[in-house]
Amino acid sequence: MDGNGRWAARRGRPRTDGHRAGVEAVRRVVEAAPGLGVSTLTLYAFSADNWKRPETEVSALMALFRWALRREIVRLKRAGVRLSVIGRRDRLPEALRNGIARGEWETRRGTRLHLRIAVDYSARDALVEAARRCQASGEAPTRAAFARHLAAATSPSMGHPHTLPGEQAPDVDLVVRTAGEQRLSDFLLWECAYAEFAFLEPCWPEMDAEALAAVLADFRSRTRKFGALPEAA
Protein backbone atom coordinates (compact mmCIF):
# COMPACT_ATOMS: atom_id res chain seq x y z
CA MET A 1 0.00 0.00 0.00
CA ASP A 2 2.52 2.57 -1.23
CA GLY A 3 2.31 6.32 -1.52
CA ASN A 4 0.47 7.56 1.57
CA GLY A 5 3.20 10.07 2.37
CA ARG A 6 3.57 11.19 -1.24
CA TRP A 7 -0.20 11.63 -1.56
CA ALA A 8 -0.16 13.92 1.48
CA ALA A 9 2.95 15.85 0.40
CA ARG A 10 1.41 16.68 -2.99
CA ARG A 11 -1.46 18.30 -1.10
CA GLY A 12 0.75 20.18 1.35
CA ARG A 13 -0.45 18.03 4.24
CA PRO A 14 1.50 16.04 6.89
CA ARG A 15 2.34 12.38 6.23
CA THR A 16 -0.02 11.30 9.01
CA ASP A 17 -2.92 12.65 6.93
CA GLY A 18 -1.78 10.37 4.14
CA HIS A 19 -1.81 7.36 6.42
CA ARG A 20 -5.33 8.22 7.60
CA ALA A 21 -6.44 8.52 3.99
CA GLY A 22 -4.82 5.13 3.43
CA VAL A 23 -7.06 3.62 6.11
CA GLU A 24 -10.11 4.88 4.20
CA ALA A 25 -8.74 3.22 1.06
CA VAL A 26 -8.40 -0.03 3.01
CA ARG A 27 -12.08 0.18 3.91
CA ARG A 28 -13.10 0.75 0.27
CA VAL A 29 -11.00 -2.16 -0.97
CA VAL A 30 -12.15 -4.54 1.77
CA GLU A 31 -15.78 -3.70 1.09
CA ALA A 32 -15.37 -4.25 -2.66
CA ALA A 33 -13.15 -7.35 -2.64
CA PRO A 34 -15.69 -10.12 -1.90
CA GLY A 35 -18.07 -8.95 -4.63
CA LEU A 36 -15.17 -9.05 -7.10
CA GLY A 37 -14.35 -12.67 -6.29
CA VAL A 38 -11.50 -12.11 -3.81
CA SER A 39 -11.53 -14.57 -0.91
CA THR A 40 -8.14 -13.78 0.67
CA LEU A 41 -6.67 -10.28 0.80
CA THR A 42 -3.27 -9.57 2.38
CA LEU A 43 -2.33 -5.93 2.96
CA TYR A 44 1.27 -4.98 3.73
CA ALA A 45 0.87 -2.32 6.43
CA PHE A 46 4.24 -2.17 8.22
CA SER A 47 7.40 -4.06 7.34
CA ALA A 48 10.16 -5.10 9.74
CA ASP A 49 12.34 -2.50 8.04
CA ASN A 50 9.81 0.27 8.67
CA TRP A 51 11.14 0.54 12.24
CA LYS A 52 13.95 2.56 10.63
CA ARG A 53 11.53 5.42 9.99
CA PRO A 54 11.46 8.46 12.30
CA GLU A 55 10.19 7.61 15.78
CA THR A 56 7.40 10.17 15.52
CA GLU A 57 6.03 8.55 12.35
CA VAL A 58 6.30 5.03 13.79
CA SER A 59 4.45 6.11 16.94
CA ALA A 60 1.75 7.74 14.82
CA LEU A 61 1.36 4.58 12.76
CA MET A 62 1.02 2.39 15.87
CA ALA A 63 -1.63 4.74 17.24
CA LEU A 64 -3.41 4.67 13.88
CA PHE A 65 -3.42 0.85 13.89
CA ARG A 66 -5.04 0.84 17.33
CA TRP A 67 -7.60 3.45 16.28
CA ALA A 68 -8.48 1.57 13.08
CA LEU A 69 -8.90 -1.70 14.96
CA ARG A 70 -11.28 -0.15 17.48
CA ARG A 71 -13.26 1.53 14.73
CA GLU A 72 -13.48 -1.30 12.22
CA ILE A 73 -13.84 -4.58 14.14
CA VAL A 74 -17.62 -4.38 14.50
CA ARG A 75 -17.95 -3.46 10.83
CA LEU A 76 -15.74 -6.38 9.77
CA LYS A 77 -17.68 -8.81 11.93
CA ARG A 78 -21.01 -7.71 10.49
CA ALA A 79 -19.64 -8.00 6.95
CA GLY A 80 -18.40 -11.56 7.50
CA VAL A 81 -14.73 -10.59 7.24
CA ARG A 82 -12.20 -12.59 9.24
CA LEU A 83 -9.13 -10.65 10.35
CA SER A 84 -5.66 -12.13 10.77
CA VAL A 85 -2.46 -10.22 11.49
CA ILE A 86 0.81 -11.75 10.31
CA GLY A 87 4.32 -10.84 11.41
CA ARG A 88 6.07 -10.37 14.72
CA ARG A 89 4.10 -9.12 17.70
CA ASP A 90 6.70 -8.93 20.43
CA ARG A 91 7.92 -5.50 19.30
CA LEU A 92 4.43 -3.98 19.07
CA PRO A 93 2.96 -1.91 21.92
CA GLU A 94 1.02 -4.07 24.37
CA ALA A 95 -2.24 -2.24 23.75
CA LEU A 96 -1.91 -2.96 20.03
CA ARG A 97 -1.09 -6.63 20.62
CA ASN A 98 -4.19 -6.96 22.79
CA GLY A 99 -6.31 -5.16 20.20
CA ILE A 100 -5.08 -7.49 17.46
CA ALA A 101 -5.86 -10.59 19.49
CA ARG A 102 -9.34 -9.31 20.32
CA GLY A 103 -10.00 -8.38 16.70
CA GLU A 104 -8.94 -11.79 15.44
CA TRP A 105 -11.09 -13.51 18.04
CA GLU A 106 -14.16 -11.37 17.40
CA THR A 107 -14.04 -11.97 13.64
CA ARG A 108 -12.91 -15.60 13.68
CA ARG A 109 -16.17 -16.93 12.20
CA GLY A 110 -16.14 -14.65 9.16
CA THR A 111 -16.34 -16.56 5.87
CA ARG A 112 -16.92 -13.89 3.22
CA LEU A 113 -13.33 -12.60 3.15
CA HIS A 114 -10.10 -13.47 4.95
CA LEU A 115 -8.35 -10.16 5.54
CA ARG A 116 -4.69 -10.54 6.47
CA ILE A 117 -2.72 -7.51 7.65
CA ALA A 118 1.08 -7.76 7.64
CA VAL A 119 2.53 -5.78 10.57
CA ASP A 120 6.22 -5.93 11.57
CA TYR A 121 6.49 -8.53 8.83
CA SER A 122 9.55 -9.83 6.96
CA ALA A 123 9.30 -12.75 4.57
CA ARG A 124 13.01 -13.49 4.93
CA ASP A 125 12.77 -13.61 8.72
CA ALA A 126 9.72 -15.89 8.45
CA LEU A 127 11.58 -18.24 6.10
CA VAL A 128 14.55 -18.47 8.47
CA GLU A 129 12.25 -19.20 11.42
CA ALA A 130 10.32 -21.80 9.42
CA ALA A 131 13.58 -23.55 8.50
CA ARG A 132 14.57 -23.58 12.18
CA ARG A 133 11.21 -25.04 13.19
CA CYS A 134 11.35 -27.66 10.44
CA GLN A 135 14.81 -28.78 11.51
CA ALA A 136 13.82 -28.89 15.18
CA SER A 137 10.75 -31.01 14.38
CA GLY A 138 12.82 -33.71 12.68
CA GLU A 139 10.39 -33.80 9.75
CA ALA A 140 11.58 -34.45 6.23
CA PRO A 141 11.99 -31.03 4.58
CA THR A 142 9.16 -31.34 2.06
CA ARG A 143 7.33 -28.37 0.61
CA ALA A 144 4.18 -29.27 2.54
CA ALA A 145 6.02 -29.59 5.86
CA PHE A 146 7.90 -26.35 5.31
CA ALA A 147 4.67 -24.51 4.43
CA ARG A 148 3.10 -25.64 7.73
CA HIS A 149 6.08 -24.39 9.71
CA LEU A 150 6.04 -21.14 7.72
CA ALA A 151 2.41 -20.56 8.72
CA ALA A 152 3.35 -20.97 12.38
CA ALA A 153 6.40 -18.72 11.97
CA THR A 154 4.34 -16.04 10.22
CA SER A 155 1.72 -15.84 12.98
CA PRO A 156 3.55 -16.73 16.22
CA SER A 157 1.52 -17.10 19.39
CA MET A 158 2.25 -14.50 22.06
CA GLY A 159 0.45 -16.30 24.88
CA HIS A 160 -2.65 -14.09 24.76
CA PRO A 161 -5.80 -16.05 25.70
CA HIS A 162 -7.46 -15.02 22.43
CA THR A 163 -4.48 -15.71 20.15
CA LEU A 164 -5.44 -18.05 17.31
CA PRO A 165 -2.96 -20.54 15.80
CA GLY A 166 -1.14 -19.63 12.62
CA GLU A 167 -2.97 -20.76 9.51
CA GLN A 168 -1.49 -21.66 6.15
CA ALA A 169 -2.82 -19.26 3.53
CA PRO A 170 -3.14 -20.07 -0.18
CA ASP A 171 -0.40 -19.04 -2.58
CA VAL A 172 -0.65 -15.46 -3.82
CA ASP A 173 -2.36 -15.06 -7.19
CA LEU A 174 -1.83 -11.34 -7.69
CA VAL A 175 0.45 -8.72 -6.15
CA VAL A 176 -0.73 -5.13 -6.59
CA ARG A 177 1.61 -2.23 -5.84
CA THR A 178 0.57 1.40 -5.96
CA ALA A 179 2.52 4.65 -6.41
CA GLY A 180 4.60 3.20 -9.24
CA GLU A 181 6.74 0.93 -7.03
CA GLN A 182 7.96 -2.23 -8.77
CA ARG A 183 9.57 -4.60 -6.26
CA LEU A 184 8.57 -7.29 -3.75
CA SER A 185 10.02 -5.55 -0.68
CA ASP A 186 10.30 -8.75 1.39
CA PHE A 187 6.60 -9.60 0.98
CA LEU A 188 5.42 -13.25 1.07
CA LEU A 189 8.42 -14.51 -0.90
CA TRP A 190 7.50 -18.21 -0.59
CA GLU A 191 3.82 -17.62 -1.32
CA CYS A 192 4.54 -15.41 -4.37
CA ALA A 193 6.38 -18.12 -6.33
CA TYR A 194 3.89 -17.91 -9.23
CA ALA A 195 2.15 -14.65 -8.47
CA GLU A 196 1.17 -12.22 -11.20
CA PHE A 197 2.03 -8.53 -10.74
CA ALA A 198 0.20 -5.27 -11.30
CA PHE A 199 1.97 -1.94 -10.86
CA LEU A 200 -0.28 1.10 -10.55
CA GLU A 201 0.78 4.75 -10.72
CA PRO A 202 -1.87 6.22 -8.35
CA CYS A 203 -0.99 6.32 -4.67
CA TRP A 204 -2.74 3.98 -2.23
CA PRO A 205 -5.18 6.61 -0.85
CA GLU A 206 -6.62 6.83 -4.39
CA MET A 207 -7.41 3.10 -4.51
CA ASP A 208 -11.11 2.28 -4.74
CA ALA A 209 -13.56 -0.36 -5.98
CA GLU A 210 -13.28 0.77 -9.59
CA ALA A 211 -9.48 0.52 -9.58
CA LEU A 212 -9.62 -2.89 -7.93
CA ALA A 213 -12.15 -4.14 -10.48
CA ALA A 214 -9.93 -2.95 -13.34
CA VAL A 215 -6.80 -4.64 -12.03
CA LEU A 216 -8.70 -7.90 -11.42
CA ALA A 217 -10.17 -7.83 -14.92
CA ASP A 218 -6.65 -7.49 -16.33
CA PHE A 219 -5.44 -10.34 -14.11
CA ARG A 220 -8.23 -12.66 -15.29
CA SER A 221 -7.34 -11.98 -18.91
CA ARG A 222 -3.85 -13.44 -18.43
CA THR A 223 -2.84 -17.03 -19.16
CA ARG A 224 -1.22 -18.63 -16.11
CA LYS A 225 0.86 -21.70 -16.99
CA PHE A 226 2.72 -22.43 -13.72
CA GLY A 227 5.67 -23.78 -15.73
CA ALA A 228 3.55 -26.01 -17.96
CA LEU A 229 2.24 -25.50 -21.48
CA PRO A 230 -1.28 -24.14 -21.89
CA GLU A 231 -3.95 -26.71 -22.61
CA ALA A 232 -4.99 -27.05 -26.23
CA ALA A 233 -8.22 -25.23 -27.06
C-alpha atoms as a PDB file:
ATOM      1  CA  MET A   1       0.000   0.000   0.000  1.00  0.00           C
ATOM      2  CA  ASP A   2       2.524   2.569  -1.228  1.00  0.00           C
ATOM      3  CA  GLY A   3       2.314   6.316  -1.519  1.00  0.00           C
ATOM      4  CA  ASN A   4       0.470   7.556   1.570  1.00  0.00           C
ATOM      5  CA  GLY A   5       3.203  10.073   2.370  1.00  0.00           C
ATOM      6  CA  ARG A   6       3.568  11.193  -1.241  1.00  0.00           C
ATOM      7  CA  TRP A   7      -0.197  11.628  -1.557  1.00  0.00           C
ATOM      8  CA  ALA A   8      -0.158  13.924   1.481  1.00  0.00           C
ATOM      9  CA  ALA A   9       2.952  15.850   0.396  1.00  0.00           C
ATOM     10  CA  ARG A  10       1.414  16.682  -2.987  1.00  0.00           C
ATOM     11  CA  ARG A  11      -1.458  18.301  -1.103  1.00  0.00           C
ATOM     12  CA  GLY A  12       0.754  20.178   1.348  1.00  0.00           C
ATOM     13  CA  ARG A  13      -0.446  18.025   4.238  1.00  0.00           C
ATOM     14  CA  PRO A  14       1.504  16.036   6.893  1.00  0.00           C
ATOM     15  CA  ARG A  15       2.338  12.383   6.230  1.00  0.00           C
ATOM     16  CA  THR A  16      -0.021  11.296   9.005  1.00  0.00           C
ATOM     17  CA  ASP A  17      -2.920  12.647   6.934  1.00  0.00           C
ATOM     18  CA  GLY A  18      -1.785  10.369   4.137  1.00  0.00           C
ATOM     19  CA  HIS A  19      -1.806   7.356   6.423  1.00  0.00           C
ATOM     20  CA  ARG A  20      -5.327   8.218   7.601  1.00  0.00           C
ATOM     21  CA  ALA A  21      -6.437   8.518   3.991  1.00  0.00           C
ATOM     22  CA  GLY A  22      -4.817   5.128   3.431  1.00  0.00           C
ATOM     23  CA  VAL A  23      -7.063   3.623   6.110  1.00  0.00           C
ATOM     24  CA  GLU A  24     -10.110   4.881   4.200  1.00  0.00           C
ATOM     25  CA  ALA A  25      -8.738   3.218   1.058  1.00  0.00           C
ATOM     26  CA  VAL A  26      -8.404  -0.032   3.007  1.00  0.00           C
ATOM     27  CA  ARG A  27     -12.076   0.178   3.907  1.00  0.00           C
ATOM     28  CA  ARG A  28     -13.099   0.750   0.266  1.00  0.00           C
ATOM     29  CA  VAL A  29     -11.005  -2.163  -0.972  1.00  0.00           C
ATOM     30  CA  VAL A  30     -12.148  -4.543   1.774  1.00  0.00           C
ATOM     31  CA  GLU A  31     -15.784  -3.697   1.088  1.00  0.00           C
ATOM     32  CA  ALA A  32     -15.368  -4.252  -2.662  1.00  0.00           C
ATOM     33  CA  ALA A  33     -13.146  -7.352  -2.637  1.00  0.00           C
ATOM     34  CA  PRO A  34     -15.692 -10.121  -1.896  1.00  0.00           C
ATOM     35  CA  GLY A  35     -18.067  -8.955  -4.630  1.00  0.00           C
ATOM     36  CA  LEU A  36     -15.172  -9.048  -7.098  1.00  0.00           C
ATOM     37  CA  GLY A  37     -14.345 -12.672  -6.290  1.00  0.00           C
ATOM     38  CA  VAL A  38     -11.503 -12.109  -3.815  1.00  0.00           C
ATOM     39  CA  SER A  39     -11.534 -14.571  -0.912  1.00  0.00           C
ATOM     40  CA  THR A  40      -8.143 -13.778   0.672  1.00  0.00           C
ATOM     41  CA  LEU A  41      -6.673 -10.281   0.799  1.00  0.00           C
ATOM     42  CA  THR A  42      -3.273  -9.572   2.375  1.00  0.00           C
ATOM     43  CA  LEU A  43      -2.329  -5.934   2.956  1.00  0.00           C
ATOM     44  CA  TYR A  44       1.273  -4.977   3.735  1.00  0.00           C
ATOM     45  CA  ALA A  45       0.865  -2.317   6.429  1.00  0.00           C
ATOM     46  CA  PHE A  46       4.237  -2.174   8.221  1.00  0.00           C
ATOM     47  CA  SER A  47       7.398  -4.064   7.339  1.00  0.00           C
ATOM     48  CA  ALA A  48      10.157  -5.096   9.740  1.00  0.00           C
ATOM     49  CA  ASP A  49      12.344  -2.504   8.035  1.00  0.00           C
ATOM     50  CA  ASN A  50       9.814   0.272   8.672  1.00  0.00           C
ATOM     51  CA  TRP A  51      11.138   0.535  12.239  1.00  0.00           C
ATOM     52  CA  LYS A  52      13.949   2.564  10.632  1.00  0.00           C
ATOM     53  CA  ARG A  53      11.528   5.425   9.986  1.00  0.00           C
ATOM     54  CA  PRO A  54      11.465   8.460  12.299  1.00  0.00           C
ATOM     55  CA  GLU A  55      10.187   7.613  15.776  1.00  0.00           C
ATOM     56  CA  THR A  56       7.399  10.168  15.515  1.00  0.00           C
ATOM     57  CA  GLU A  57       6.033   8.549  12.355  1.00  0.00           C
ATOM     58  CA  VAL A  58       6.304   5.031  13.795  1.00  0.00           C
ATOM     59  CA  SER A  59       4.451   6.110  16.942  1.00  0.00           C
ATOM     60  CA  ALA A  60       1.754   7.738  14.825  1.00  0.00           C
ATOM     61  CA  LEU A  61       1.359   4.578  12.762  1.00  0.00           C
ATOM     62  CA  MET A  62       1.021   2.387  15.866  1.00  0.00           C
ATOM     63  CA  ALA A  63      -1.631   4.740  17.237  1.00  0.00           C
ATOM     64  CA  LEU A  64      -3.407   4.669  13.877  1.00  0.00           C
ATOM     65  CA  PHE A  65      -3.425   0.855  13.890  1.00  0.00           C
ATOM     66  CA  ARG A  66      -5.040   0.842  17.327  1.00  0.00           C
ATOM     67  CA  TRP A  67      -7.600   3.453  16.281  1.00  0.00           C
ATOM     68  CA  ALA A  68      -8.482   1.569  13.082  1.00  0.00           C
ATOM     69  CA  LEU A  69      -8.902  -1.705  14.959  1.00  0.00           C
ATOM     70  CA  ARG A  70     -11.275  -0.149  17.476  1.00  0.00           C
ATOM     71  CA  ARG A  71     -13.263   1.533  14.733  1.00  0.00           C
ATOM     72  CA  GLU A  72     -13.482  -1.300  12.217  1.00  0.00           C
ATOM     73  CA  ILE A  73     -13.842  -4.576  14.139  1.00  0.00           C
ATOM     74  CA  VAL A  74     -17.621  -4.379  14.503  1.00  0.00           C
ATOM     75  CA  ARG A  75     -17.946  -3.461  10.830  1.00  0.00           C
ATOM     76  CA  LEU A  76     -15.736  -6.383   9.771  1.00  0.00           C
ATOM     77  CA  LYS A  77     -17.675  -8.812  11.931  1.00  0.00           C
ATOM     78  CA  ARG A  78     -21.008  -7.710  10.489  1.00  0.00           C
ATOM     79  CA  ALA A  79     -19.641  -8.005   6.952  1.00  0.00           C
ATOM     80  CA  GLY A  80     -18.404 -11.563   7.498  1.00  0.00           C
ATOM     81  CA  VAL A  81     -14.732 -10.588   7.243  1.00  0.00           C
ATOM     82  CA  ARG A  82     -12.199 -12.589   9.241  1.00  0.00           C
ATOM     83  CA  LEU A  83      -9.132 -10.651  10.353  1.00  0.00           C
ATOM     84  CA  SER A  84      -5.658 -12.134  10.773  1.00  0.00           C
ATOM     85  CA  VAL A  85      -2.458 -10.223  11.487  1.00  0.00           C
ATOM     86  CA  ILE A  86       0.815 -11.754  10.314  1.00  0.00           C
ATOM     87  CA  GLY A  87       4.316 -10.839  11.413  1.00  0.00           C
ATOM     88  CA  ARG A  88       6.071 -10.372  14.725  1.00  0.00           C
ATOM     89  CA  ARG A  89       4.102  -9.117  17.696  1.00  0.00           C
ATOM     90  CA  ASP A  90       6.704  -8.934  20.432  1.00  0.00           C
ATOM     91  CA  ARG A  91       7.917  -5.496  19.296  1.00  0.00           C
ATOM     92  CA  LEU A  92       4.429  -3.984  19.068  1.00  0.00           C
ATOM     93  CA  PRO A  93       2.960  -1.911  21.920  1.00  0.00           C
ATOM     94  CA  GLU A  94       1.023  -4.074  24.370  1.00  0.00           C
ATOM     95  CA  ALA A  95      -2.238  -2.236  23.745  1.00  0.00           C
ATOM     96  CA  LEU A  96      -1.909  -2.957  20.027  1.00  0.00           C
ATOM     97  CA  ARG A  97      -1.092  -6.635  20.624  1.00  0.00           C
ATOM     98  CA  ASN A  98      -4.194  -6.960  22.786  1.00  0.00           C
ATOM     99  CA  GLY A  99      -6.312  -5.164  20.199  1.00  0.00           C
ATOM    100  CA  ILE A 100      -5.082  -7.487  17.460  1.00  0.00           C
ATOM    101  CA  ALA A 101      -5.861 -10.590  19.494  1.00  0.00           C
ATOM    102  CA  ARG A 102      -9.345  -9.315  20.320  1.00  0.00           C
ATOM    103  CA  GLY A 103     -10.003  -8.378  16.704  1.00  0.00           C
ATOM    104  CA  GLU A 104      -8.943 -11.788  15.437  1.00  0.00           C
ATOM    105  CA  TRP A 105     -11.087 -13.510  18.042  1.00  0.00           C
ATOM    106  CA  GLU A 106     -14.165 -11.372  17.400  1.00  0.00           C
ATOM    107  CA  THR A 107     -14.041 -11.970  13.638  1.00  0.00           C
ATOM    108  CA  ARG A 108     -12.909 -15.603  13.680  1.00  0.00           C
ATOM    109  CA  ARG A 109     -16.172 -16.932  12.203  1.00  0.00           C
ATOM    110  CA  GLY A 110     -16.141 -14.651   9.156  1.00  0.00           C
ATOM    111  CA  THR A 111     -16.338 -16.562   5.872  1.00  0.00           C
ATOM    112  CA  ARG A 112     -16.919 -13.888   3.218  1.00  0.00           C
ATOM    113  CA  LEU A 113     -13.332 -12.597   3.146  1.00  0.00           C
ATOM    114  CA  HIS A 114     -10.100 -13.469   4.945  1.00  0.00           C
ATOM    115  CA  LEU A 115      -8.346 -10.157   5.542  1.00  0.00           C
ATOM    116  CA  ARG A 116      -4.693 -10.544   6.466  1.00  0.00           C
ATOM    117  CA  ILE A 117      -2.722  -7.506   7.645  1.00  0.00           C
ATOM    118  CA  ALA A 118       1.082  -7.758   7.640  1.00  0.00           C
ATOM    119  CA  VAL A 119       2.530  -5.781  10.574  1.00  0.00           C
ATOM    120  CA  ASP A 120       6.216  -5.928  11.572  1.00  0.00           C
ATOM    121  CA  TYR A 121       6.492  -8.526   8.827  1.00  0.00           C
ATOM    122  CA  SER A 122       9.552  -9.829   6.957  1.00  0.00           C
ATOM    123  CA  ALA A 123       9.298 -12.754   4.575  1.00  0.00           C
ATOM    124  CA  ARG A 124      13.009 -13.495   4.929  1.00  0.00           C
ATOM    125  CA  ASP A 125      12.767 -13.608   8.722  1.00  0.00           C
ATOM    126  CA  ALA A 126       9.720 -15.890   8.453  1.00  0.00           C
ATOM    127  CA  LEU A 127      11.585 -18.239   6.102  1.00  0.00           C
ATOM    128  CA  VAL A 128      14.546 -18.470   8.469  1.00  0.00           C
ATOM    129  CA  GLU A 129      12.251 -19.203  11.424  1.00  0.00           C
ATOM    130  CA  ALA A 130      10.322 -21.804   9.416  1.00  0.00           C
ATOM    131  CA  ALA A 131      13.576 -23.553   8.504  1.00  0.00           C
ATOM    132  CA  ARG A 132      14.568 -23.581  12.182  1.00  0.00           C
ATOM    133  CA  ARG A 133      11.214 -25.038  13.195  1.00  0.00           C
ATOM    134  CA  CYS A 134      11.348 -27.655  10.442  1.00  0.00           C
ATOM    135  CA  GLN A 135      14.806 -28.783  11.508  1.00  0.00           C
ATOM    136  CA  ALA A 136      13.818 -28.890  15.180  1.00  0.00           C
ATOM    137  CA  SER A 137      10.754 -31.014  14.381  1.00  0.00           C
ATOM    138  CA  GLY A 138      12.816 -33.712  12.685  1.00  0.00           C
ATOM    139  CA  GLU A 139      10.393 -33.796   9.746  1.00  0.00           C
ATOM    140  CA  ALA A 140      11.580 -34.446   6.233  1.00  0.00           C
ATOM    141  CA  PRO A 141      11.994 -31.026   4.582  1.00  0.00           C
ATOM    142  CA  THR A 142       9.158 -31.344   2.061  1.00  0.00           C
ATOM    143  CA  ARG A 143       7.329 -28.371   0.607  1.00  0.00           C
ATOM    144  CA  ALA A 144       4.182 -29.267   2.538  1.00  0.00           C
ATOM    145  CA  ALA A 145       6.024 -29.591   5.856  1.00  0.00           C
ATOM    146  CA  PHE A 146       7.897 -26.348   5.308  1.00  0.00           C
ATOM    147  CA  ALA A 147       4.672 -24.513   4.428  1.00  0.00           C
ATOM    148  CA  ARG A 148       3.105 -25.639   7.728  1.00  0.00           C
ATOM    149  CA  HIS A 149       6.078 -24.386   9.713  1.00  0.00           C
ATOM    150  CA  LEU A 150       6.044 -21.142   7.718  1.00  0.00           C
ATOM    151  CA  ALA A 151       2.414 -20.557   8.717  1.00  0.00           C
ATOM    152  CA  ALA A 152       3.351 -20.972  12.381  1.00  0.00           C
ATOM    153  CA  ALA A 153       6.398 -18.720  11.973  1.00  0.00           C
ATOM    154  CA  THR A 154       4.336 -16.040  10.224  1.00  0.00           C
ATOM    155  CA  SER A 155       1.716 -15.838  12.984  1.00  0.00           C
ATOM    156  CA  PRO A 156       3.554 -16.727  16.219  1.00  0.00           C
ATOM    157  CA  SER A 157       1.524 -17.105  19.391  1.00  0.00           C
ATOM    158  CA  MET A 158       2.249 -14.502  22.064  1.00  0.00           C
ATOM    159  CA  GLY A 159       0.450 -16.304  24.878  1.00  0.00           C
ATOM    160  CA  HIS A 160      -2.646 -14.091  24.758  1.00  0.00           C
ATOM    161  CA  PRO A 161      -5.802 -16.054  25.703  1.00  0.00           C
ATOM    162  CA  HIS A 162      -7.459 -15.019  22.429  1.00  0.00           C
ATOM    163  CA  THR A 163      -4.481 -15.711  20.154  1.00  0.00           C
ATOM    164  CA  LEU A 164      -5.437 -18.050  17.308  1.00  0.00           C
ATOM    165  CA  PRO A 165      -2.963 -20.540  15.805  1.00  0.00           C
ATOM    166  CA  GLY A 166      -1.141 -19.634  12.620  1.00  0.00           C
ATOM    167  CA  GLU A 167      -2.968 -20.758   9.510  1.00  0.00           C
ATOM    168  CA  GLN A 168      -1.490 -21.658   6.145  1.00  0.00           C
ATOM    169  CA  ALA A 169      -2.819 -19.258   3.527  1.00  0.00           C
ATOM    170  CA  PRO A 170      -3.136 -20.068  -0.183  1.00  0.00           C
ATOM    171  CA  ASP A 171      -0.400 -19.040  -2.576  1.00  0.00           C
ATOM    172  CA  VAL A 172      -0.653 -15.462  -3.818  1.00  0.00           C
ATOM    173  CA  ASP A 173      -2.362 -15.063  -7.190  1.00  0.00           C
ATOM    174  CA  LEU A 174      -1.834 -11.344  -7.695  1.00  0.00           C
ATOM    175  CA  VAL A 175       0.449  -8.724  -6.153  1.00  0.00           C
ATOM    176  CA  VAL A 176      -0.727  -5.133  -6.592  1.00  0.00           C
ATOM    177  CA  ARG A 177       1.615  -2.226  -5.841  1.00  0.00           C
ATOM    178  CA  THR A 178       0.569   1.401  -5.965  1.00  0.00           C
ATOM    179  CA  ALA A 179       2.518   4.648  -6.406  1.00  0.00           C
ATOM    180  CA  GLY A 180       4.601   3.203  -9.239  1.00  0.00           C
ATOM    181  CA  GLU A 181       6.738   0.933  -7.026  1.00  0.00           C
ATOM    182  CA  GLN A 182       7.963  -2.231  -8.769  1.00  0.00           C
ATOM    183  CA  ARG A 183       9.566  -4.599  -6.259  1.00  0.00           C
ATOM    184  CA  LEU A 184       8.569  -7.290  -3.747  1.00  0.00           C
ATOM    185  CA  SER A 185      10.021  -5.552  -0.677  1.00  0.00           C
ATOM    186  CA  ASP A 186      10.304  -8.751   1.388  1.00  0.00           C
ATOM    187  CA  PHE A 187       6.605  -9.604   0.977  1.00  0.00           C
ATOM    188  CA  LEU A 188       5.418 -13.253   1.070  1.00  0.00           C
ATOM    189  CA  LEU A 189       8.418 -14.507  -0.896  1.00  0.00           C
ATOM    190  CA  TRP A 190       7.500 -18.207  -0.591  1.00  0.00           C
ATOM    191  CA  GLU A 191       3.819 -17.622  -1.324  1.00  0.00           C
ATOM    192  CA  CYS A 192       4.541 -15.412  -4.371  1.00  0.00           C
ATOM    193  CA  ALA A 193       6.381 -18.115  -6.329  1.00  0.00           C
ATOM    194  CA  TYR A 194       3.891 -17.912  -9.227  1.00  0.00           C
ATOM    195  CA  ALA A 195       2.146 -14.647  -8.472  1.00  0.00           C
ATOM    196  CA  GLU A 196       1.171 -12.215 -11.204  1.00  0.00           C
ATOM    197  CA  PHE A 197       2.035  -8.535 -10.737  1.00  0.00           C
ATOM    198  CA  ALA A 198       0.199  -5.268 -11.297  1.00  0.00           C
ATOM    199  CA  PHE A 199       1.970  -1.937 -10.864  1.00  0.00           C
ATOM    200  CA  LEU A 200      -0.283   1.099 -10.548  1.00  0.00           C
ATOM    201  CA  GLU A 201       0.780   4.750 -10.723  1.00  0.00           C
ATOM    202  CA  PRO A 202      -1.870   6.218  -8.346  1.00  0.00           C
ATOM    203  CA  CYS A 203      -0.994   6.315  -4.666  1.00  0.00           C
ATOM    204  CA  TRP A 204      -2.741   3.984  -2.226  1.00  0.00           C
ATOM    205  CA  PRO A 205      -5.184   6.614  -0.854  1.00  0.00           C
ATOM    206  CA  GLU A 206      -6.620   6.833  -4.388  1.00  0.00           C
ATOM    207  CA  MET A 207      -7.408   3.099  -4.506  1.00  0.00           C
ATOM    208  CA  ASP A 208     -11.109   2.276  -4.742  1.00  0.00           C
ATOM    209  CA  ALA A 209     -13.563  -0.361  -5.975  1.00  0.00           C
ATOM    210  CA  GLU A 210     -13.280   0.767  -9.590  1.00  0.00           C
ATOM    211  CA  ALA A 211      -9.481   0.524  -9.576  1.00  0.00           C
ATOM    212  CA  LEU A 212      -9.619  -2.889  -7.930  1.00  0.00           C
ATOM    213  CA  ALA A 213     -12.154  -4.140 -10.479  1.00  0.00           C
ATOM    214  CA  ALA A 214      -9.934  -2.952 -13.337  1.00  0.00           C
ATOM    215  CA  VAL A 215      -6.804  -4.645 -12.031  1.00  0.00           C
ATOM    216  CA  LEU A 216      -8.700  -7.901 -11.416  1.00  0.00           C
ATOM    217  CA  ALA A 217     -10.172  -7.829 -14.922  1.00  0.00           C
ATOM    218  CA  ASP A 218      -6.651  -7.492 -16.331  1.00  0.00           C
ATOM    219  CA  PHE A 219      -5.441 -10.345 -14.107  1.00  0.00           C
ATOM    220  CA  ARG A 220      -8.234 -12.658 -15.286  1.00  0.00           C
ATOM    221  CA  SER A 221      -7.342 -11.983 -18.908  1.00  0.00           C
ATOM    222  CA  ARG A 222      -3.852 -13.443 -18.425  1.00  0.00           C
ATOM    223  CA  THR A 223      -2.838 -17.034 -19.156  1.00  0.00           C
ATOM    224  CA  ARG A 224      -1.224 -18.625 -16.108  1.00  0.00           C
ATOM    225  CA  LYS A 225       0.863 -21.704 -16.986  1.00  0.00           C
ATOM    226  CA  PHE A 226       2.719 -22.433 -13.721  1.00  0.00           C
ATOM    227  CA  GLY A 227       5.666 -23.780 -15.727  1.00  0.00           C
ATOM    228  CA  ALA A 228       3.552 -26.013 -17.965  1.00  0.00           C
ATOM    229  CA  LEU A 229       2.239 -25.499 -21.480  1.00  0.00           C
ATOM    230  CA  PRO A 230      -1.284 -24.139 -21.889  1.00  0.00           C
ATOM    231  CA  GLU A 231      -3.946 -26.711 -22.608  1.00  0.00           C
ATOM    232  CA  ALA A 232      -4.987 -27.049 -26.234  1.00  0.00           C
ATOM    233  CA  ALA A 233      -8.217 -25.232 -27.059  1.00  0.00           C
END
